[in-house]
Amino acid sequence: MPLLDSGNDLVEGSPVADVAITTFVSFEVPFHEQSVVGFNVTDSIDGDSVRGDYAGHLPGVVHPSFEWKTEFEPYGSERQVANEAIRG
């Protein structure tokens, strides 16, 4: 599974990229040009946005989307009592 595949993985902003050529054996860098490619990323907050309904600034470069499953177990449930017994 690719890391960036949902179309919502890049953070809103204007990232830029450098281009470099290196040698494999000696790791020399005969060519390096900074800020060669740039583009704008916008996030509209609606639809399938990774940010959900949060409208504030999100730091970082990528925000991959992961599927989560949560379960609620009320206090005193059979599983909760068993976990407490194991912990002592």
C-alpha atoms as a PDB file:
ATOM      1  CA  MET A   1       0.000   0.000   0.000  1.00  0.00           C
ATOM      2  CA  PRO A   2       1.514   3.360  -0.974  1.00  0.00           C
ATOM      3  CA  LEU A   3       1.930   5.885   1.824  1.00  0.00           C
ATOM      4  CA  LEU A   4       0.338   8.742  -0.136  1.00  0.00           C
ATOM      5  CA  ASP A   5      -2.717   7.407  -1.907  1.00  0.00           C
ATOM      6  CA  SER A   6      -5.874   9.155  -0.692  1.00  0.00           C
ATOM      7  CA  GLY A   7      -5.472  12.505  -2.450  1.00  0.00           C
ATOM      8  CA  ASN A   8      -5.615  14.203   0.976  1.00  0.00           C
ATOM      9  CA  ASP A   9      -2.175  13.359   2.303  1.00  0.00           C
ATOM     10  CA  LEU A  10      -0.250  16.606   1.802  1.00  0.00           C
ATOM     11  CA  VAL A  11      -0.685  19.436   4.289  1.00  0.00           C
ATOM     12  CA  GLU A  12      -2.195  22.680   3.038  1.00  0.00           C
ATOM     13  CA  GLY A  13       0.453  25.168   1.932  1.00  0.00           C
ATOM     14  CA  SER A  14       3.071  25.816  -0.767  1.00  0.00           C
ATOM     15  CA  PRO A  15       5.805  23.157  -0.642  1.00  0.00           C
ATOM     16  CA  VAL A  16       8.891  23.356  -2.859  1.00  0.00           C
ATOM     17  CA  ALA A  17      11.322  20.638  -3.896  1.00  0.00           C
ATOM     18  CA  ASP A  18      15.015  20.537  -4.730  1.00  0.00           C
ATOM     19  CA  VAL A  19      16.605  18.499  -7.517  1.00  0.00           C
ATOM     20  CA  ALA A  20      19.980  16.793  -7.053  1.00  0.00           C
ATOM     21  CA  ILE A  21      22.150  14.247  -8.829  1.00  0.00           C
ATOM     22  CA  THR A  22      24.460  12.074  -6.738  1.00  0.00           C
ATOM     23  CA  THR A  23      26.973   9.345  -7.487  1.00  0.00           C
ATOM     24  CA  PHE A  24      26.248   5.971  -5.935  1.00  0.00           C
ATOM     25  CA  VAL A  25      29.784   4.899  -5.078  1.00  0.00           C
ATOM     26  CA  SER A  26      31.363   8.089  -3.702  1.00  0.00           C
ATOM     27  CA  PHE A  27      28.120   9.919  -2.832  1.00  0.00           C
ATOM     28  CA  GLU A  28      29.310  13.116  -4.480  1.00  0.00           C
ATOM     29  CA  VAL A  29      26.697  15.701  -5.431  1.00  0.00           C
ATOM     30  CA  PRO A  30      27.750  17.216  -8.787  1.00  0.00           C
ATOM     31  CA  PHE A  31      24.388  18.966  -9.253  1.00  0.00           C
ATOM     32  CA  HIS A  32      21.980  20.454  -6.718  1.00  0.00           C
ATOM     33  CA  GLU A  33      19.408  23.106  -7.540  1.00  0.00           C
ATOM     34  CA  GLN A  34      17.148  24.432  -4.789  1.00  0.00           C
ATOM     35  CA  SER A  35      13.447  25.308  -5.088  1.00  0.00           C
ATOM     36  CA  VAL A  36      13.018  23.895  -8.594  1.00  0.00           C
ATOM     37  CA  VAL A  37       9.423  22.698  -8.278  1.00  0.00           C
ATOM     38  CA  GLY A  38       6.646  24.272  -6.238  1.00  0.00           C
ATOM     39  CA  PHE A  39       2.890  23.886  -6.022  1.00  0.00           C
ATOM     40  CA  ASN A  40      -0.092  24.881  -3.862  1.00  0.00           C
ATOM     41  CA  VAL A  41      -2.120  22.474  -1.762  1.00  0.00           C
ATOM     42  CA  THR A  42      -5.545  23.548  -0.493  1.00  0.00           C
ATOM     43  CA  ASP A  43      -7.896  21.692   1.824  1.00  0.00           C
ATOM     44  CA  SER A  44     -11.559  22.682   1.732  1.00  0.00           C
ATOM     45  CA  ILE A  45     -12.601  21.052   5.054  1.00  0.00           C
ATOM     46  CA  ASP A  46     -15.533  19.281   3.422  1.00  0.00           C
ATOM     47  CA  GLY A  47     -15.983  15.849   1.931  1.00  0.00           C
ATOM     48  CA  ASP A  48     -13.287  13.327   2.769  1.00  0.00           C
ATOM     49  CA  SER A  49     -10.702  15.764   4.156  1.00  0.00           C
ATOM     50  CA  VAL A  50      -8.127  14.182   6.479  1.00  0.00           C
ATOM     51  CA  ARG A  51      -8.479  17.115   8.866  1.00  0.00           C
ATOM     52  CA  GLY A  52     -12.111  16.238   9.615  1.00  0.00           C
ATOM     53  CA  ASP A  53     -13.956  19.304  10.912  1.00  0.00           C
ATOM     54  CA  TYR A  54     -10.847  20.958  12.428  1.00  0.00           C
ATOM     55  CA  ALA A  55     -10.239  24.325  10.721  1.00  0.00           C
ATOM     56  CA  GLY A  56      -7.023  25.316  12.538  1.00  0.00           C
ATOM     57  CA  HIS A  57      -3.405  25.007  11.351  1.00  0.00           C
ATOM     58  CA  LEU A  58      -2.038  21.453  11.139  1.00  0.00           C
ATOM     59  CA  PRO A  59       1.774  21.315  11.287  1.00  0.00           C
ATOM     60  CA  GLY A  60       3.861  18.829   9.335  1.00  0.00           C
ATOM     61  CA  VAL A  61       4.275  17.804   5.702  1.00  0.00           C
ATOM     62  CA  VAL A  62       2.023  14.777   5.268  1.00  0.00           C
ATOM     63  CA  HIS A  63      -1.135  13.663   7.037  1.00  0.00           C
ATOM     64  CA  PRO A  64      -1.891  10.139   5.876  1.00  0.00           C
ATOM     65  CA  SER A  65      -5.365   8.822   6.493  1.00  0.00           C
ATOM     66  CA  PHE A  66      -5.669   5.631   8.543  1.00  0.00           C
ATOM     67  CA  GLU A  67      -8.765   3.615   9.298  1.00  0.00           C
ATOM     68  CA  TRP A  68      -9.473   3.409  13.047  1.00  0.00           C
ATOM     69  CA  LYS A  69     -11.903   1.312  14.995  1.00  0.00           C
ATOM     70  CA  THR A  70     -12.894   2.266  18.529  1.00  0.00           C
ATOM     71  CA  GLU A  71     -14.976   0.316  21.003  1.00  0.00           C
ATOM     72  CA  PHE A  72     -16.657   1.442  24.193  1.00  0.00           C
ATOM     73  CA  GLU A  73     -16.812  -0.888  27.149  1.00  0.00           C
ATOM     74  CA  PRO A  74     -18.777   0.383  30.139  1.00  0.00           C
ATOM     75  CA  TYR A  75     -17.237   0.190  33.601  1.00  0.00           C
ATOM     76  CA  GLY A  76     -17.860  -3.216  35.117  1.00  0.00           C
ATOM     77  CA  SER A  77     -18.140  -5.017  31.818  1.00  0.00           C
ATOM     78  CA  GLU A  78     -16.930  -8.589  31.654  1.00  0.00           C
ATOM     79  CA  ARG A  79     -13.794  -7.659  29.678  1.00  0.00           C
ATOM     80  CA  GLN A  80     -12.906  -4.729  31.948  1.00  0.00           C
ATOM     81  CA  VAL A  81     -13.208  -6.920  35.058  1.00  0.00           C
ATOM     82  CA  ALA A  82     -10.973  -9.591  33.449  1.00  0.00           C
ATOM     83  CA  ASN A  83      -8.319  -6.963  32.595  1.00  0.00           C
ATOM     84  CA  GLU A  84      -8.289  -5.681  36.170  1.00  0.00           C
ATOM     85  CA  ALA A  85      -7.915  -9.248  37.483  1.00  0.00           C
ATOM     86  CA  ILE A  86      -4.893  -9.812  35.222  1.00  0.00           C
ATOM     87  CA  ARG A  87      -3.229  -6.585  36.382  1.00  0.00           C
ATOM     88  CA  GLY A  88      -3.695  -7.647  40.000  1.00  0.00           C
END
